[in-house]
Amino acid sequence: MSKNNFEQLEEQMEQKYDDASEAIKQNVTSRKGTWDLIGDLFELYIPQIFSTLIGSNANHANPGLTQGEESDNE
């Protein structure tokens, strides 16, 4: 049984795009790895930066008694 034109066209297209699909897969995989790294950095360090900034401002905004000082109420 001979192949019809559509089957021949399908085989040609598979051969043509087989190499391109592997290159696309590698490109997507590498970009996904890059975005995963960026996401991990944001997840780990950005909250720490904000908590550090808030913690350092808290001391300046509301200075309580320093060590060695006594309050007048005692």
N, C-alpha and C. Protein backbone atom coordinates (compact mmCIF):
# COMPACT_ATOMS: atom_id res chain seq x y z
N MET A 1 0.83 -1.17 0.00
CA MET A 1 0.00 0.00 0.00
C MET A 1 0.89 1.24 0.00
N SER A 2 0.62 2.14 -0.88
CA SER A 2 1.44 3.34 -1.00
C SER A 2 0.94 4.42 -0.03
N LYS A 3 1.83 5.32 0.30
CA LYS A 3 1.47 6.40 1.19
C LYS A 3 0.80 7.51 0.39
N ASN A 4 -0.17 8.13 1.04
CA ASN A 4 -0.80 9.26 0.36
C ASN A 4 0.02 10.53 0.61
N ASN A 5 -0.33 11.59 -0.03
CA ASN A 5 0.43 12.85 0.06
C ASN A 5 0.44 13.42 1.47
N PHE A 6 -0.63 13.26 2.20
CA PHE A 6 -0.68 13.79 3.56
C PHE A 6 0.28 13.07 4.49
N GLU A 7 0.40 11.76 4.32
CA GLU A 7 1.35 11.01 5.14
C GLU A 7 2.78 11.40 4.81
N GLN A 8 3.07 11.60 3.53
CA GLN A 8 4.40 12.04 3.13
C GLN A 8 4.70 13.44 3.69
N LEU A 9 3.73 14.32 3.61
CA LEU A 9 3.90 15.67 4.15
C LEU A 9 4.13 15.64 5.65
N GLU A 10 3.39 14.77 6.35
CA GLU A 10 3.57 14.65 7.79
C GLU A 10 4.98 14.18 8.13
N GLU A 11 5.51 13.20 7.40
CA GLU A 11 6.86 12.72 7.65
C GLU A 11 7.90 13.81 7.37
N GLN A 12 7.69 14.58 6.31
CA GLN A 12 8.60 15.67 6.00
C GLN A 12 8.60 16.73 7.11
N MET A 13 7.42 17.05 7.60
CA MET A 13 7.31 18.05 8.66
C MET A 13 7.97 17.55 9.95
N GLU A 14 7.79 16.26 10.26
CA GLU A 14 8.42 15.69 11.45
C GLU A 14 9.93 15.76 11.35
N GLN A 15 10.48 15.46 10.21
CA GLN A 15 11.93 15.52 10.02
C GLN A 15 12.43 16.96 10.11
N LYS A 16 11.66 17.87 9.54
CA LYS A 16 12.08 19.27 9.51
C LYS A 16 12.10 19.87 10.90
N TYR A 17 11.10 19.57 11.73
CA TYR A 17 10.96 20.21 13.03
C TYR A 17 11.48 19.38 14.19
N ASP A 18 12.03 18.22 13.92
CA ASP A 18 12.55 17.37 14.99
C ASP A 18 13.71 18.06 15.71
N ASP A 19 14.66 18.58 14.95
CA ASP A 19 15.81 19.26 15.54
C ASP A 19 15.39 20.56 16.21
N ALA A 20 14.48 21.28 15.61
CA ALA A 20 14.02 22.55 16.17
C ALA A 20 13.31 22.32 17.50
N SER A 21 12.54 21.25 17.61
CA SER A 21 11.83 21.00 18.86
C SER A 21 12.79 20.72 20.02
N GLU A 22 13.90 20.07 19.73
CA GLU A 22 14.90 19.81 20.78
C GLU A 22 15.56 21.11 21.23
N ALA A 23 15.84 21.99 20.29
CA ALA A 23 16.44 23.28 20.62
C ALA A 23 15.46 24.12 21.45
N ILE A 24 14.21 24.09 21.10
CA ILE A 24 13.19 24.83 21.84
C ILE A 24 13.07 24.28 23.26
N LYS A 25 13.10 22.96 23.37
CA LYS A 25 13.01 22.33 24.69
C LYS A 25 14.18 22.75 25.58
N GLN A 26 15.38 22.77 25.04
CA GLN A 26 16.55 23.18 25.83
C GLN A 26 16.46 24.65 26.21
N ASN A 27 15.97 25.49 25.29
CA ASN A 27 15.84 26.92 25.57
C ASN A 27 14.83 27.16 26.69
N VAL A 28 13.71 26.48 26.62
CA VAL A 28 12.68 26.65 27.65
C VAL A 28 13.18 26.14 29.00
N THR A 29 13.88 25.03 28.99
CA THR A 29 14.42 24.46 30.22
C THR A 29 15.43 25.41 30.87
N SER A 30 16.30 26.01 30.07
CA SER A 30 17.30 26.91 30.64
C SER A 30 16.64 28.18 31.16
N ARG A 31 15.65 28.70 30.44
CA ARG A 31 14.96 29.90 30.92
C ARG A 31 14.16 29.60 32.18
N LYS A 32 13.57 28.42 32.25
CA LYS A 32 12.83 28.05 33.45
C LYS A 32 13.77 27.98 34.65
N GLY A 33 14.95 27.44 34.44
CA GLY A 33 15.94 27.38 35.51
C GLY A 33 16.35 28.76 35.98
N THR A 34 16.50 29.68 35.04
CA THR A 34 16.86 31.05 35.38
C THR A 34 15.76 31.71 36.20
N TRP A 35 14.51 31.55 35.75
CA TRP A 35 13.39 32.16 36.47
C TRP A 35 13.18 31.51 37.82
N ASP A 36 13.45 30.21 37.93
CA ASP A 36 13.38 29.55 39.24
C ASP A 36 14.41 30.13 40.20
N LEU A 37 15.61 30.39 39.70
CA LEU A 37 16.65 30.98 40.53
C LEU A 37 16.25 32.38 40.99
N ILE A 38 15.74 33.19 40.08
CA ILE A 38 15.31 34.54 40.43
C ILE A 38 14.17 34.48 41.45
N GLY A 39 13.23 33.57 41.24
CA GLY A 39 12.13 33.41 42.19
C GLY A 39 12.60 32.99 43.56
N ASP A 40 13.56 32.09 43.60
CA ASP A 40 14.11 31.66 44.89
C ASP A 40 14.81 32.81 45.61
N LEU A 41 15.55 33.61 44.85
CA LEU A 41 16.22 34.76 45.47
C LEU A 41 15.21 35.74 46.05
N PHE A 42 14.16 36.02 45.30
CA PHE A 42 13.13 36.91 45.81
C PHE A 42 12.47 36.32 47.05
N GLU A 43 12.19 35.04 47.00
CA GLU A 43 11.50 34.39 48.11
C GLU A 43 12.35 34.38 49.38
N LEU A 44 13.66 34.22 49.22
CA LEU A 44 14.53 34.12 50.38
C LEU A 44 14.98 35.47 50.92
N TYR A 45 15.34 36.39 50.04
CA TYR A 45 16.03 37.59 50.50
C TYR A 45 15.15 38.83 50.62
N ILE A 46 14.14 38.98 49.78
CA ILE A 46 13.31 40.19 49.84
C ILE A 46 12.60 40.31 51.19
N PRO A 47 11.95 39.27 51.71
CA PRO A 47 11.33 39.41 53.04
C PRO A 47 12.35 39.76 54.13
N GLN A 48 13.54 39.23 54.02
CA GLN A 48 14.58 39.52 55.01
C GLN A 48 15.02 40.98 54.94
N ILE A 49 15.08 41.51 53.73
CA ILE A 49 15.46 42.92 53.58
C ILE A 49 14.42 43.81 54.24
N PHE A 50 13.13 43.52 53.98
CA PHE A 50 12.07 44.33 54.58
C PHE A 50 12.07 44.22 56.10
N SER A 51 12.24 43.02 56.61
CA SER A 51 12.24 42.87 58.07
C SER A 51 13.46 43.56 58.68
N THR A 52 14.58 43.56 57.99
CA THR A 52 15.76 44.27 58.48
C THR A 52 15.53 45.77 58.49
N LEU A 53 14.94 46.29 57.42
CA LEU A 53 14.66 47.72 57.36
C LEU A 53 13.66 48.14 58.43
N ILE A 54 12.63 47.34 58.62
CA ILE A 54 11.62 47.65 59.63
C ILE A 54 12.24 47.57 61.02
N GLY A 55 13.06 46.58 61.25
CA GLY A 55 13.72 46.43 62.54
C GLY A 55 14.67 47.57 62.84
N SER A 56 15.38 48.05 61.83
CA SER A 56 16.31 49.15 62.08
C SER A 56 15.57 50.46 62.28
N ASN A 57 14.42 50.64 61.65
CA ASN A 57 13.62 51.85 61.85
C ASN A 57 12.89 51.83 63.19
N ALA A 58 12.57 50.69 63.70
CA ALA A 58 11.83 50.59 64.96
C ALA A 58 12.64 51.18 66.11
N ASN A 59 13.94 51.02 66.10
CA ASN A 59 14.79 51.56 67.16
C ASN A 59 14.84 53.08 67.12
N HIS A 60 14.81 53.66 65.93
CA HIS A 60 14.88 55.11 65.79
C HIS A 60 13.53 55.77 66.03
N ALA A 61 12.47 55.10 65.70
CA ALA A 61 11.13 55.68 65.81
C ALA A 61 10.64 55.71 67.25
N ASN A 62 10.98 54.69 68.04
CA ASN A 62 10.47 54.59 69.39
C ASN A 62 11.61 54.22 70.34
N PRO A 63 12.49 55.17 70.63
CA PRO A 63 13.62 54.81 71.49
C PRO A 63 13.16 54.66 72.92
N GLY A 64 13.23 53.48 73.43
CA GLY A 64 12.83 53.23 74.81
C GLY A 64 14.00 53.53 75.73
N LEU A 65 13.96 52.96 76.87
CA LEU A 65 15.05 53.14 77.81
C LEU A 65 16.26 52.38 77.31
N THR A 66 17.38 53.00 77.45
CA THR A 66 18.60 52.30 77.08
C THR A 66 19.09 51.53 78.29
N GLN A 67 20.02 50.71 78.07
CA GLN A 67 20.52 49.87 79.16
C GLN A 67 21.22 50.75 80.20
N GLY A 68 20.89 50.60 81.44
CA GLY A 68 21.49 51.36 82.50
C GLY A 68 20.64 52.52 82.96
N GLU A 69 19.64 52.91 82.19
CA GLU A 69 18.75 54.00 82.60
C GLU A 69 17.62 53.43 83.41
N GLU A 70 17.12 54.21 84.35
CA GLU A 70 15.97 53.81 85.14
C GLU A 70 14.84 54.78 84.85
N SER A 71 13.63 54.31 84.95
CA SER A 71 12.51 55.21 84.71
C SER A 71 12.21 56.02 85.95
N ASP A 72 11.54 57.15 85.76
CA ASP A 72 11.22 58.03 86.88
C ASP A 72 10.06 57.50 87.70
N ASN A 73 9.31 56.54 87.19
CA ASN A 73 8.12 56.01 87.86
C ASN A 73 8.46 55.06 89.00
N GLU A 74 9.66 54.62 89.11
CA GLU A 74 10.00 53.63 90.12
C GLU A 74 10.28 54.22 91.45
